[in-house]
Amino acid sequence: MSDREAMEYDVVIVGAGPAGLSAAIRLKQLAAEQNREVNVCVLEKASEVGGHILSGAVMDPRAITELFPDWQALDAPLNAPVTEDRFLFLTESSSYQVPTMLLPGCFQNHGNYVVSLANVTRWLGQQAEALGVEIFPGFAAAEILYDEAGQVKGVATGDMGIGRDGQPTDAHQRGMELHARYTFFAEGCRGHLGKQLEQRFHLRDGADPQVYGIGLKELWEIKPEKHQSGLVIHTAGWPLQSDTYGGSFCYHLEDNMVAIGFVVGLAYSNPYLSPYEEFQRYKTHPAIRHFLEGGKRIAYGARAISAGGLQSLPKLTFPGGCLIGDDAGFLNVSRIKGSHAAIKSGMLAAEAAFSALKESTPAPNLSAYPEAFRSSWLHDELHRARNFKPWMSKGLFTGALMVGIDQIVFRGNAPWTLHHHGPDHQSLRPKQECQPIQYPKPDGVISFDRLSSVFISNTNHNEDQPIHLTLKDATVPIQVNLELYDAPEQRYCPAGVYEIVRDDNGANPRLQINSQNCVHCKTCDIKDPTQNIVWVTPEGGGGPNYPNM
């Protein structure tokens, strides 16, 4: 193969999400203020900016106001201010609303906005391009590049036109190298390259294990008489067992649109649990169903979220670059919010890089970035939220009581810090110790099957490309996962990627990987009990294409 062409930049950013775009914007703002030239490029694996963005989302405008004080005049799509908060505890047939005066501050959203984060991201992309940022959608960063000293010097995009057999096809195009003084990794949760950087530079030394949830979401257009712009509903309890971390959201946007979703912590222990089926069952609850009846489902998607908080943050910098946004894990799980944290982290990293680039020989490590984070309001916010997930992991009832004490009595400043003691993939119990869960058949009106859901996620991959869901050992899915856990990948995947298929007589089971269905949620990379499944980036432009998510 021919050598790749190379392009030179001051800063290359991997991922055009809120963190990556905010970093690019802040770099260009600072350059304009000081009449300096900073060349910035952003790579995005989706076919368009915002195409892979999925979030609830209720947005705290604090960070975007710092980035663009005039965001309202610039028509940022924050159009539905929160008008009411409701928090419900659900049983199978009834619900109990927590009085507002008893809600911890993390569940109060006055001053926030219900948004489509995909549309906010598209708007950020427009602002970035107007400032001179070069954005390349449809190009996946597939490889980290290092110089002779072992310092990160940029990334390379994946080759296009590689066949299923790994050989170049007639459509083959070699990837590009993008070299930079600093490379920012803003891939989102469980970043493919971020994971490699954590291992190579030992970024997780001294940090708690990262812990995760899977968030599943649908967008509905509901009847006008059932719609209340700015209504925010969260629930806990049914359909999950009290020992399983999780809950739901129901957010009313503008134009009779409702974002409805369900989050399940990936430390669950029963291999028969299916987060997708729990979400479909949740929608049939009387307190939720009445909003959806007579409405129409518009879109579906799923995404893993980093839920470890402050204790699980890795070291943020390494020679030649840094981690920002959910590639590091800046989500505030107690508030169920991460977009403001992603924006702020991108800004802090940009300010550190801009300052460093003034030097004739910029230092390889952006030490000013973690220093600025530690003195920022973001660190203070995550510090106050640090015990939420560890308490809630102890069960719904104990967790709710202790979170109330932590957040209301101590206001997040308790004189102790709880820790996460193990990664999520170690939590499954053997199948013989667990009760299979009988899920109701979808009715096609309120609840739906996986394949019809994947269809409306607009997911597509070029079929003649190597499977991007790789196995370290092809024998493990049958000899370990099926034998010990009844193949949990069939159930934790929200897109029907993994199937156990057998001969006509029911013998000779094998794992079939329907990679065409993959919505890039990364759950398999996180939850696989032997860590045998490794998600690698597919050809650029593949995956879901989320409208308004």
Protein backbone atom coordinates (compact mmCIF):
# COMPACT_ATOMS: atom_id res chain seq x y z
CA MET A 1 0.00 0.00 0.00
CA SER A 2 1.12 3.55 -0.70
CA ASP A 3 2.15 5.85 2.10
CA ARG A 4 -0.60 8.08 3.42
CA GLU A 5 -0.72 11.78 2.72
CA ALA A 6 -0.29 14.00 5.78
CA MET A 7 -1.83 17.31 6.78
CA GLU A 8 -0.41 19.56 9.51
CA TYR A 9 -2.42 21.41 12.15
CA ASP A 10 -1.85 23.07 15.47
CA VAL A 11 -4.70 21.08 17.05
CA VAL A 12 -6.55 18.02 15.76
CA ILE A 13 -9.77 17.07 17.54
CA VAL A 14 -11.27 13.58 17.27
CA GLY A 15 -15.05 13.82 17.52
CA ALA A 16 -17.47 16.60 16.59
CA GLY A 17 -19.62 16.37 19.70
CA PRO A 18 -20.22 19.13 22.26
CA ALA A 19 -16.74 18.73 23.80
CA GLY A 20 -14.78 18.62 20.55
CA LEU A 21 -16.64 21.47 18.86
CA SER A 22 -16.49 23.66 21.96
CA ALA A 23 -12.74 23.13 22.16
CA ALA A 24 -12.37 24.07 18.50
CA ILE A 25 -14.57 27.15 18.92
CA ARG A 26 -12.71 28.34 22.00
CA LEU A 27 -9.35 27.98 20.24
CA LYS A 28 -10.58 30.11 17.35
CA GLN A 29 -12.16 32.68 19.67
CA LEU A 30 -8.87 33.13 21.54
CA ALA A 31 -6.93 33.33 18.28
CA ALA A 32 -9.25 36.07 17.00
CA GLU A 33 -9.03 38.01 20.28
CA GLN A 34 -5.22 38.03 20.15
CA ASN A 35 -4.88 38.28 16.36
CA ARG A 36 -3.03 34.97 16.08
CA GLU A 37 -3.47 32.08 13.70
CA VAL A 38 -4.33 28.65 15.10
CA ASN A 39 -5.15 25.88 12.65
CA VAL A 40 -7.80 23.52 13.99
CA CYS A 41 -9.35 20.45 12.40
CA VAL A 42 -12.16 18.22 13.71
CA LEU A 43 -12.76 14.65 12.54
CA GLU A 44 -16.23 13.12 12.84
CA LYS A 45 -17.00 9.46 12.07
CA ALA A 46 -20.72 10.12 11.46
CA SER A 47 -21.84 11.08 7.98
CA GLU A 48 -22.80 14.52 9.31
CA VAL A 49 -22.15 16.57 12.44
CA GLY A 50 -24.68 15.48 15.07
CA GLY A 51 -25.47 12.21 13.33
CA HIS A 52 -24.20 10.06 16.22
CA ILE A 53 -25.30 12.38 19.04
CA LEU A 54 -27.89 10.93 21.40
CA SER A 55 -28.78 12.31 24.81
CA GLY A 56 -31.87 12.91 26.95
CA ALA A 57 -31.44 15.88 27.17
CA VAL A 58 -32.01 18.57 29.76
CA MET A 59 -29.24 21.11 29.31
CA ASP A 60 -27.74 23.40 31.91
CA PRO A 61 -26.89 26.54 29.88
CA ARG A 62 -24.01 27.59 32.14
CA ALA A 63 -21.19 26.40 29.88
CA ILE A 64 -22.73 27.40 26.56
CA THR A 65 -23.33 30.86 28.02
CA GLU A 66 -19.62 31.10 28.80
CA LEU A 67 -18.80 30.00 25.25
CA PHE A 68 -21.41 32.21 23.55
CA PRO A 69 -22.89 34.86 25.90
CA ASP A 70 -25.21 35.82 23.02
CA TRP A 71 -26.37 32.30 22.17
CA GLN A 72 -30.02 33.40 22.16
CA ALA A 73 -29.34 36.10 19.56
CA LEU A 74 -27.43 33.48 17.55
CA ASP A 75 -30.54 31.23 17.53
CA ALA A 76 -29.05 28.34 19.47
CA PRO A 77 -31.74 25.62 19.58
CA LEU A 78 -32.51 25.87 23.29
CA ASN A 79 -36.21 26.44 22.76
CA ALA A 80 -38.01 24.72 25.64
CA PRO A 81 -37.20 26.10 29.10
CA VAL A 82 -38.07 23.64 31.87
CA THR A 83 -41.50 24.48 33.28
CA GLU A 84 -42.08 21.64 35.75
CA ASP A 85 -40.15 18.81 37.44
CA ARG A 86 -41.81 15.56 38.48
CA PHE A 87 -40.04 12.61 40.10
CA LEU A 88 -42.09 9.40 40.34
CA PHE A 89 -41.51 6.13 42.14
CA LEU A 90 -43.25 3.41 40.11
CA THR A 91 -44.79 0.14 41.12
CA GLU A 92 -46.20 -2.17 38.46
CA SER A 93 -49.57 -0.43 38.36
CA SER A 94 -49.26 2.82 40.30
CA SER A 95 -46.94 5.76 40.91
CA TYR A 96 -45.98 8.04 43.78
CA GLN A 97 -44.79 11.58 43.09
CA VAL A 98 -42.09 12.94 45.38
CA PRO A 99 -43.08 16.39 46.70
CA THR A 100 -40.91 19.08 45.10
CA MET A 101 -39.74 20.31 48.50
CA LEU A 102 -38.20 16.87 49.15
CA LEU A 103 -36.35 16.66 45.83
CA PRO A 104 -32.57 17.05 46.06
CA GLY A 105 -31.20 19.95 44.04
CA CYS A 106 -29.76 17.56 41.44
CA PHE A 107 -33.33 16.73 40.32
CA GLN A 108 -34.47 20.35 40.09
CA ASN A 109 -34.16 21.89 36.65
CA HIS A 110 -35.36 25.48 36.93
CA GLY A 111 -33.32 27.55 34.48
CA ASN A 112 -32.42 24.57 32.29
CA TYR A 113 -33.69 23.67 28.82
CA VAL A 114 -35.10 20.53 27.20
CA VAL A 115 -33.11 20.15 23.98
CA SER A 116 -32.21 17.89 21.13
CA LEU A 117 -28.48 17.60 21.78
CA ALA A 118 -28.00 16.46 18.17
CA ASN A 119 -29.43 19.80 16.99
CA VAL A 120 -27.39 21.77 19.54
CA THR A 121 -24.33 19.97 18.20
CA ARG A 122 -25.24 20.83 14.61
CA TRP A 123 -25.53 24.46 15.68
CA LEU A 124 -22.13 24.31 17.38
CA GLY A 125 -20.73 22.88 14.14
CA GLN A 126 -22.08 25.87 12.21
CA GLN A 127 -20.50 28.29 14.70
CA ALA A 128 -17.18 26.44 14.48
CA GLU A 129 -17.09 26.55 10.69
CA ALA A 130 -17.98 30.26 10.73
CA LEU A 131 -14.86 30.80 12.87
CA GLY A 132 -12.67 28.90 10.42
CA VAL A 133 -12.56 25.43 11.95
CA GLU A 134 -12.12 22.67 9.36
CA ILE A 135 -14.61 19.86 10.05
CA PHE A 136 -14.40 16.55 8.21
CA PRO A 137 -17.57 14.44 8.71
CA GLY A 138 -17.54 10.88 7.44
CA PHE A 139 -13.90 10.35 8.40
CA ALA A 140 -13.22 8.03 11.33
CA ALA A 141 -10.00 8.39 13.30
CA ALA A 142 -8.84 4.78 13.32
CA GLU A 143 -5.23 4.95 14.53
CA ILE A 144 -3.15 7.02 16.94
CA LEU A 145 0.18 8.21 15.55
CA TYR A 146 3.29 8.49 17.74
CA ASP A 147 6.67 10.12 17.15
CA GLU A 148 10.06 8.59 17.90
CA ALA A 149 9.87 9.67 21.54
CA GLY A 150 6.49 7.98 22.00
CA GLN A 151 4.56 11.24 22.08
CA VAL A 152 1.18 11.44 20.30
CA LYS A 153 1.67 13.34 17.05
CA GLY A 154 -1.82 12.97 15.57
CA VAL A 155 -4.18 10.38 14.14
CA ALA A 156 -4.84 8.60 10.88
CA THR A 157 -8.25 8.09 9.34
CA GLY A 158 -9.29 4.60 8.35
CA ASP A 159 -8.86 3.33 4.81
CA MET A 160 -12.04 3.33 2.73
CA GLY A 161 -12.91 0.45 0.46
CA ILE A 162 -11.49 -2.49 2.43
CA GLY A 163 -13.50 -5.66 1.76
CA ARG A 164 -14.91 -8.12 4.27
CA ASP A 165 -11.85 -10.30 3.64
CA GLY A 166 -9.52 -7.44 4.72
CA GLN A 167 -8.24 -6.85 1.18
CA PRO A 168 -8.53 -3.58 -0.79
CA THR A 169 -11.46 -3.39 -3.23
CA ASP A 170 -11.75 -1.36 -6.43
CA ALA A 171 -13.10 1.49 -4.28
CA HIS A 172 -10.05 1.53 -2.00
CA GLN A 173 -8.78 4.88 -0.75
CA ARG A 174 -5.89 5.18 1.65
CA GLY A 175 -6.56 7.04 4.90
CA MET A 176 -5.05 10.42 5.73
CA GLU A 177 -2.59 11.31 8.47
CA LEU A 178 -3.38 14.42 10.48
CA HIS A 179 -0.42 15.70 12.48
CA ALA A 180 -0.77 18.23 15.29
CA ARG A 181 1.06 19.87 18.14
CA TYR A 182 -1.82 18.65 20.31
CA THR A 183 -4.50 16.04 19.65
CA PHE A 184 -7.75 16.21 21.64
CA PHE A 185 -9.77 13.00 21.96
CA ALA A 186 -13.49 13.72 22.22
CA GLU A 187 -14.97 10.43 21.02
CA GLY A 188 -17.67 10.18 23.68
CA CYS A 189 -18.20 7.34 26.10
CA ARG A 190 -15.77 4.40 25.87
CA GLY A 191 -13.79 5.97 23.06
CA HIS A 192 -12.00 3.39 20.93
CA LEU A 193 -8.78 5.44 20.84
CA GLY A 194 -9.23 6.87 24.33
CA LYS A 195 -9.20 3.32 25.70
CA GLN A 196 -5.87 2.69 23.98
CA LEU A 197 -4.41 5.91 25.40
CA GLU A 198 -5.51 4.98 28.92
CA GLN A 199 -3.63 1.69 28.61
CA ARG A 200 -0.49 3.03 26.92
CA PHE A 201 0.01 5.98 29.27
CA HIS A 202 -1.46 4.32 32.42
CA LEU A 203 -4.01 7.10 32.70
CA ARG A 204 -6.25 5.06 34.99
CA ASP A 205 -3.59 4.44 37.62
CA GLY A 206 -4.98 5.67 40.95
CA ALA A 207 -8.53 6.10 39.61
CA ASP A 208 -11.57 4.00 40.41
CA PRO A 209 -12.79 1.71 37.63
CA GLN A 210 -15.08 3.53 35.22
CA VAL A 211 -18.68 2.34 35.56
CA TYR A 212 -21.35 2.71 32.93
CA GLY A 213 -25.00 2.75 32.07
CA ILE A 214 -26.80 2.13 28.83
CA GLY A 215 -29.27 4.81 27.82
CA LEU A 216 -32.05 3.95 25.35
CA LYS A 217 -34.17 6.68 23.84
CA GLU A 218 -37.13 7.22 21.56
CA LEU A 219 -38.52 10.42 20.11
CA TRP A 220 -42.32 10.65 19.90
CA GLU A 221 -44.75 13.13 18.43
CA ILE A 222 -47.72 13.12 20.81
CA LYS A 223 -51.21 14.61 20.77
CA PRO A 224 -51.18 18.39 21.44
CA GLU A 225 -53.57 18.07 24.39
CA LYS A 226 -51.10 15.70 26.12
CA HIS A 227 -48.08 17.90 25.54
CA GLN A 228 -46.62 20.36 28.04
CA SER A 229 -43.53 22.12 26.73
CA GLY A 230 -40.73 21.99 29.31
CA LEU A 231 -42.23 19.20 31.46
CA VAL A 232 -39.45 16.99 32.89
CA ILE A 233 -40.36 13.61 34.40
CA HIS A 234 -37.92 11.15 35.97
CA THR A 235 -38.86 7.79 37.47
CA ALA A 236 -37.27 5.06 39.57
CA GLY A 237 -38.53 1.61 40.51
CA TRP A 238 -40.62 -0.62 38.23
CA PRO A 239 -39.87 -2.38 35.94
CA LEU A 240 -36.38 -2.91 37.44
CA GLN A 241 -35.81 -4.92 40.58
CA SER A 242 -34.84 -2.76 43.55
CA ASP A 243 -31.25 -4.08 43.48
CA THR A 244 -30.71 -2.95 39.86
CA TYR A 245 -29.58 0.62 39.23
CA GLY A 246 -31.60 2.51 36.65
CA GLY A 247 -34.46 4.85 35.90
CA SER A 248 -36.24 6.73 33.18
CA PHE A 249 -36.78 10.15 31.68
CA CYS A 250 -39.68 11.74 29.80
CA TYR A 251 -38.88 15.23 28.47
CA HIS A 252 -41.35 17.43 26.60
CA LEU A 253 -39.63 19.48 23.90
CA GLU A 254 -41.28 22.03 21.63
CA ASP A 255 -43.72 21.17 18.78
CA ASN A 256 -45.49 18.28 20.57
CA MET A 257 -42.28 16.25 20.66
CA VAL A 258 -41.37 14.07 23.64
CA ALA A 259 -38.01 12.41 24.33
CA ILE A 260 -38.56 9.26 26.34
CA GLY A 261 -35.81 7.01 27.57
CA PHE A 262 -34.51 4.49 30.03
CA VAL A 263 -31.10 4.04 31.67
CA VAL A 264 -29.83 0.76 33.14
CA GLY A 265 -26.57 0.59 35.09
CA LEU A 266 -24.29 -1.96 33.45
CA ALA A 267 -23.31 -3.48 36.78
CA TYR A 268 -26.53 -5.55 36.78
CA SER A 269 -26.00 -9.18 37.74
CA ASN A 270 -28.79 -11.20 36.07
CA PRO A 271 -27.59 -12.30 32.59
CA TYR A 272 -31.22 -12.64 31.50
CA LEU A 273 -31.89 -8.92 31.94
CA SER A 274 -32.45 -7.01 28.71
CA PRO A 275 -32.18 -3.20 28.99
CA TYR A 276 -34.06 -2.87 25.69
CA GLU A 277 -36.99 -5.00 26.90
CA GLU A 278 -37.07 -3.17 30.23
CA PHE A 279 -37.42 0.10 28.31
CA GLN A 280 -40.27 -1.25 26.19
CA ARG A 281 -42.02 -2.58 29.31
CA TYR A 282 -41.58 0.74 31.12
CA LYS A 283 -43.53 2.59 28.42
CA THR A 284 -46.60 0.46 29.16
CA HIS A 285 -46.90 1.86 32.71
CA PRO A 286 -50.16 3.84 33.12
CA ALA A 287 -48.25 6.97 34.23
CA ILE A 288 -46.27 6.94 30.98
CA ARG A 289 -48.51 5.18 28.49
CA HIS A 290 -51.16 7.91 28.55
CA PHE A 291 -48.68 10.42 27.08
CA LEU A 292 -47.88 8.12 24.16
CA GLU A 293 -51.31 6.78 23.23
CA GLY A 294 -52.42 8.28 19.93
CA GLY A 295 -48.87 9.46 19.24
CA LYS A 296 -46.24 8.36 16.74
CA ARG A 297 -42.71 7.10 17.36
CA ILE A 298 -40.23 9.05 15.22
CA ALA A 299 -36.74 7.86 16.15
CA TYR A 300 -34.82 5.35 18.30
CA GLY A 301 -31.25 5.02 19.50
CA ALA A 302 -28.99 3.87 22.31
CA ARG A 303 -25.70 4.96 23.85
CA ALA A 304 -23.53 3.97 26.78
CA ILE A 305 -22.82 6.67 29.36
CA SER A 306 -19.87 7.03 31.74
CA ALA A 307 -21.29 7.13 35.25
CA GLY A 308 -18.26 6.87 37.55
CA GLY A 309 -17.93 10.59 38.16
CA LEU A 310 -14.99 12.26 39.85
CA GLN A 311 -13.52 9.10 41.39
CA SER A 312 -13.33 7.42 37.97
CA LEU A 313 -11.74 10.25 36.00
CA PRO A 314 -8.44 9.18 34.45
CA LYS A 315 -5.44 11.44 34.14
CA LEU A 316 -6.59 13.94 31.53
CA THR A 317 -3.33 14.56 29.68
CA PHE A 318 -0.50 12.62 28.07
CA PRO A 319 2.43 13.71 25.90
CA GLY A 320 0.88 15.36 22.86
CA GLY A 321 -2.74 15.62 23.85
CA CYS A 322 -5.66 15.15 26.23
CA LEU A 323 -9.06 13.57 26.84
CA ILE A 324 -12.15 15.78 26.94
CA GLY A 325 -15.89 15.28 27.38
CA ASP A 326 -17.21 11.78 27.93
CA ASP A 327 -14.01 10.27 26.53
CA ALA A 328 -12.73 11.15 30.01
CA GLY A 329 -16.07 10.65 31.79
CA PHE A 330 -17.23 14.12 32.83
CA LEU A 331 -20.93 13.20 33.10
CA ASN A 332 -22.70 14.32 36.28
CA VAL A 333 -24.81 11.21 36.84
CA SER A 334 -26.72 12.70 39.78
CA ARG A 335 -28.11 15.44 37.49
CA ILE A 336 -28.35 13.11 34.47
CA LYS A 337 -26.43 15.78 32.56
CA GLY A 338 -23.18 15.80 30.66
CA SER A 339 -23.43 18.30 27.80
CA HIS A 340 -22.52 21.33 29.94
CA ALA A 341 -19.60 19.38 31.43
CA ALA A 342 -18.42 18.34 27.96
CA ILE A 343 -18.52 21.95 26.73
CA LYS A 344 -16.66 23.22 29.78
CA SER A 345 -13.96 20.52 29.56
CA GLY A 346 -13.40 21.36 25.90
CA MET A 347 -13.05 25.05 26.74
CA LEU A 348 -10.57 24.37 29.55
CA ALA A 349 -8.42 22.17 27.31
CA ALA A 350 -8.54 24.74 24.51
CA GLU A 351 -7.41 27.53 26.81
CA ALA A 352 -4.49 25.43 28.02
CA ALA A 353 -3.47 24.52 24.48
CA PHE A 354 -3.74 28.08 23.20
CA SER A 355 -1.49 29.29 25.99
CA ALA A 356 1.03 26.50 25.30
CA LEU A 357 1.08 27.20 21.55
CA LYS A 358 2.41 30.69 22.24
CA GLU A 359 5.71 29.14 23.28
CA SER A 360 8.41 28.58 20.68
CA THR A 361 8.65 24.96 21.86
CA PRO A 362 5.28 23.96 23.37
CA ALA A 363 5.53 21.55 26.30
CA PRO A 364 4.27 18.06 25.41
CA ASN A 365 1.95 17.87 28.44
CA LEU A 366 -0.94 20.31 28.82
CA SER A 367 -0.65 20.39 32.60
CA ALA A 368 -2.58 23.67 32.74
CA TYR A 369 -5.74 21.80 31.65
CA PRO A 370 -6.17 19.51 34.70
CA GLU A 371 -5.02 22.38 36.94
CA ALA A 372 -7.74 24.62 35.50
CA PHE A 373 -10.29 21.82 35.89
CA ARG A 374 -9.46 21.37 39.58
CA SER A 375 -10.16 25.07 40.25
CA SER A 376 -13.32 25.23 38.09
CA TRP A 377 -17.02 25.11 38.90
CA LEU A 378 -17.14 21.79 37.02
CA HIS A 379 -14.83 20.13 39.55
CA ASP A 380 -16.92 21.54 42.39
CA GLU A 381 -20.11 20.21 40.79
CA LEU A 382 -18.68 16.72 40.25
CA HIS A 383 -17.26 16.70 43.79
CA ARG A 384 -20.73 17.34 45.22
CA ALA A 385 -22.15 14.53 43.04
CA ARG A 386 -19.39 11.99 43.75
CA ASN A 387 -21.33 9.77 46.17
CA PHE A 388 -24.57 9.55 44.17
CA LYS A 389 -23.77 6.51 42.02
CA PRO A 390 -22.01 4.53 44.79
CA TRP A 391 -25.01 5.03 47.09
CA MET A 392 -27.57 4.16 44.40
CA SER A 393 -25.59 1.02 43.56
CA LYS A 394 -26.54 -0.30 47.02
CA GLY A 395 -30.18 -0.66 45.96
CA LEU A 396 -33.12 1.65 45.33
CA PHE A 397 -34.39 2.07 48.87
CA THR A 398 -31.07 2.32 50.73
CA GLY A 399 -29.68 4.42 47.89
CA ALA A 400 -32.58 6.87 47.79
CA LEU A 401 -32.38 7.40 51.56
CA MET A 402 -28.62 7.92 51.60
CA VAL A 403 -28.64 10.17 48.52
CA GLY A 404 -31.26 12.30 50.25
CA ILE A 405 -28.98 12.63 53.28
CA ASP A 406 -25.91 13.24 51.10
CA GLN A 407 -27.54 15.87 48.89
CA ILE A 408 -30.02 17.57 51.24
CA VAL A 409 -28.30 17.36 54.62
CA PHE A 410 -24.65 17.55 53.52
CA ARG A 411 -25.31 19.37 50.19
CA GLY A 412 -22.82 17.03 48.54
CA ASN A 413 -20.03 17.91 50.97
CA ALA A 414 -20.10 14.86 53.24
CA PRO A 415 -16.72 14.19 54.89
CA TRP A 416 -16.34 10.89 53.04
CA THR A 417 -15.99 9.65 49.48
CA LEU A 418 -17.41 6.30 48.42
CA HIS A 419 -15.68 4.27 45.73
CA HIS A 420 -16.49 1.97 42.82
CA HIS A 421 -14.93 -1.39 43.57
CA GLY A 422 -15.02 -3.25 40.27
CA PRO A 423 -15.72 -2.92 36.54
CA ASP A 424 -19.17 -3.70 35.20
CA HIS A 425 -18.11 -6.76 33.20
CA GLN A 426 -17.32 -8.65 36.41
CA SER A 427 -20.82 -8.36 37.86
CA LEU A 428 -22.77 -11.07 35.97
CA ARG A 429 -23.75 -14.17 37.95
CA PRO A 430 -23.85 -17.63 36.34
CA LYS A 431 -27.14 -18.45 34.63
CA GLN A 432 -28.05 -21.24 37.05
CA GLU A 433 -28.06 -18.73 39.90
CA CYS A 434 -30.51 -16.42 38.14
CA GLN A 435 -34.16 -16.41 37.19
CA PRO A 436 -34.97 -15.97 33.48
CA ILE A 437 -37.13 -12.87 32.86
CA GLN A 438 -40.28 -13.27 30.80
CA TYR A 439 -40.82 -10.10 28.80
CA PRO A 440 -44.17 -9.36 27.14
CA LYS A 441 -44.41 -9.42 23.36
CA PRO A 442 -44.28 -5.92 21.84
CA ASP A 443 -47.66 -4.62 20.73
CA GLY A 444 -46.33 -2.50 17.85
CA VAL A 445 -48.14 0.53 19.23
CA ILE A 446 -46.40 1.46 22.48
CA SER A 447 -43.71 -1.25 22.58
CA PHE A 448 -41.66 -2.48 19.63
CA ASP A 449 -39.17 -5.16 18.61
CA ARG A 450 -35.48 -4.46 18.14
CA LEU A 451 -35.33 -4.62 14.36
CA SER A 452 -38.15 -2.14 13.79
CA SER A 453 -36.36 0.13 16.26
CA VAL A 454 -33.00 -0.18 14.48
CA PHE A 455 -34.77 0.68 11.22
CA ILE A 456 -35.81 4.11 12.54
CA SER A 457 -32.31 4.79 13.87
CA ASN A 458 -31.28 5.10 10.18
CA THR A 459 -28.35 2.77 10.88
CA ASN A 460 -26.33 1.67 7.90
CA HIS A 461 -22.87 0.25 7.24
CA ASN A 462 -21.24 -0.74 4.00
CA GLU A 463 -21.77 -4.50 4.11
CA ASP A 464 -18.51 -5.32 2.35
CA GLN A 465 -16.15 -4.15 5.08
CA PRO A 466 -14.43 -5.98 7.93
CA ILE A 467 -16.71 -6.62 10.92
CA HIS A 468 -15.93 -3.87 13.42
CA LEU A 469 -17.09 -5.93 16.41
CA THR A 470 -13.98 -8.04 16.84
CA LEU A 471 -13.35 -11.10 18.98
CA LYS A 472 -10.02 -11.76 20.67
CA ASP A 473 -10.88 -15.48 20.79
CA ALA A 474 -13.64 -16.90 18.55
CA THR A 475 -14.24 -19.85 20.91
CA VAL A 476 -15.22 -17.74 23.94
CA PRO A 477 -18.81 -16.82 22.90
CA ILE A 478 -19.88 -20.48 22.95
CA GLN A 479 -17.50 -22.08 25.46
CA VAL A 480 -17.79 -19.30 28.08
CA ASN A 481 -20.60 -16.84 27.39
CA LEU A 482 -23.21 -19.37 26.27
CA GLU A 483 -22.12 -22.07 28.69
CA LEU A 484 -21.93 -19.89 31.81
CA TYR A 485 -24.28 -16.95 31.11
CA ASP A 486 -26.64 -18.11 28.33
CA ALA A 487 -25.03 -15.65 25.87
CA PRO A 488 -25.94 -12.32 27.51
CA GLU A 489 -24.76 -10.39 24.43
CA GLN A 490 -28.08 -11.39 22.83
CA ARG A 491 -29.85 -9.32 25.48
CA TYR A 492 -27.57 -6.43 26.48
CA CYS A 493 -27.13 -5.33 22.84
CA PRO A 494 -29.97 -2.88 22.05
CA ALA A 495 -29.77 -3.45 18.30
CA GLY A 496 -29.92 -7.21 17.69
CA VAL A 497 -26.27 -7.43 16.64
CA TYR A 498 -25.53 -10.70 18.46
CA GLU A 499 -27.43 -13.94 17.80
CA ILE A 500 -26.82 -17.54 18.77
CA VAL A 501 -27.80 -19.64 15.75
CA ARG A 502 -27.99 -23.44 15.59
CA ASP A 503 -28.45 -26.21 13.04
CA ASP A 504 -32.00 -27.31 12.17
CA ASN A 505 -31.80 -29.95 14.90
CA GLY A 506 -30.77 -27.36 17.52
CA ALA A 507 -27.14 -28.46 17.69
CA ASN A 508 -23.82 -26.75 16.97
CA PRO A 509 -24.49 -23.28 18.34
CA ARG A 510 -22.42 -20.39 16.98
CA LEU A 511 -22.37 -16.64 17.44
CA GLN A 512 -23.61 -14.61 14.49
CA ILE A 513 -22.60 -10.93 14.49
CA ASN A 514 -25.02 -8.71 12.55
CA SER A 515 -22.67 -5.76 12.46
CA GLN A 516 -24.91 -3.92 10.00
CA ASN A 517 -27.29 -3.26 12.93
CA CYS A 518 -24.71 -1.67 15.25
CA VAL A 519 -25.74 1.74 16.64
CA HIS A 520 -22.24 2.35 18.09
CA CYS A 521 -23.46 2.28 21.70
CA LYS A 522 -20.31 0.41 22.89
CA THR A 523 -22.29 -1.66 25.43
CA CYS A 524 -20.77 -4.93 24.19
CA ASP A 525 -17.24 -3.56 24.64
CA ILE A 526 -18.16 -2.69 28.25
CA LYS A 527 -20.38 -5.56 29.43
CA ASP A 528 -18.88 -8.65 27.76
CA PRO A 529 -17.92 -10.75 30.82
CA THR A 530 -14.50 -11.84 29.48
CA GLN A 531 -13.77 -8.57 27.63
CA ASN A 532 -13.44 -10.68 24.49
CA ILE A 533 -15.48 -8.28 22.31
CA VAL A 534 -13.54 -5.23 21.16
CA TRP A 535 -15.38 -2.47 19.29
CA VAL A 536 -13.20 -0.87 16.62
CA THR A 537 -14.19 1.99 14.38
CA PRO A 538 -15.90 0.96 11.13
CA GLU A 539 -15.54 2.76 7.83
CA GLY A 540 -16.30 6.47 8.18
CA GLY A 541 -19.91 7.53 7.61
CA GLY A 542 -21.35 4.27 8.94
CA GLY A 543 -23.62 3.76 11.94
CA PRO A 544 -26.80 5.54 12.96
CA ASN A 545 -27.92 8.89 11.61
CA TYR A 546 -29.98 10.46 14.36
CA PRO A 547 -32.37 13.30 13.52
CA ASN A 548 -33.30 15.53 16.46
CA MET A 549 -31.93 13.11 19.10
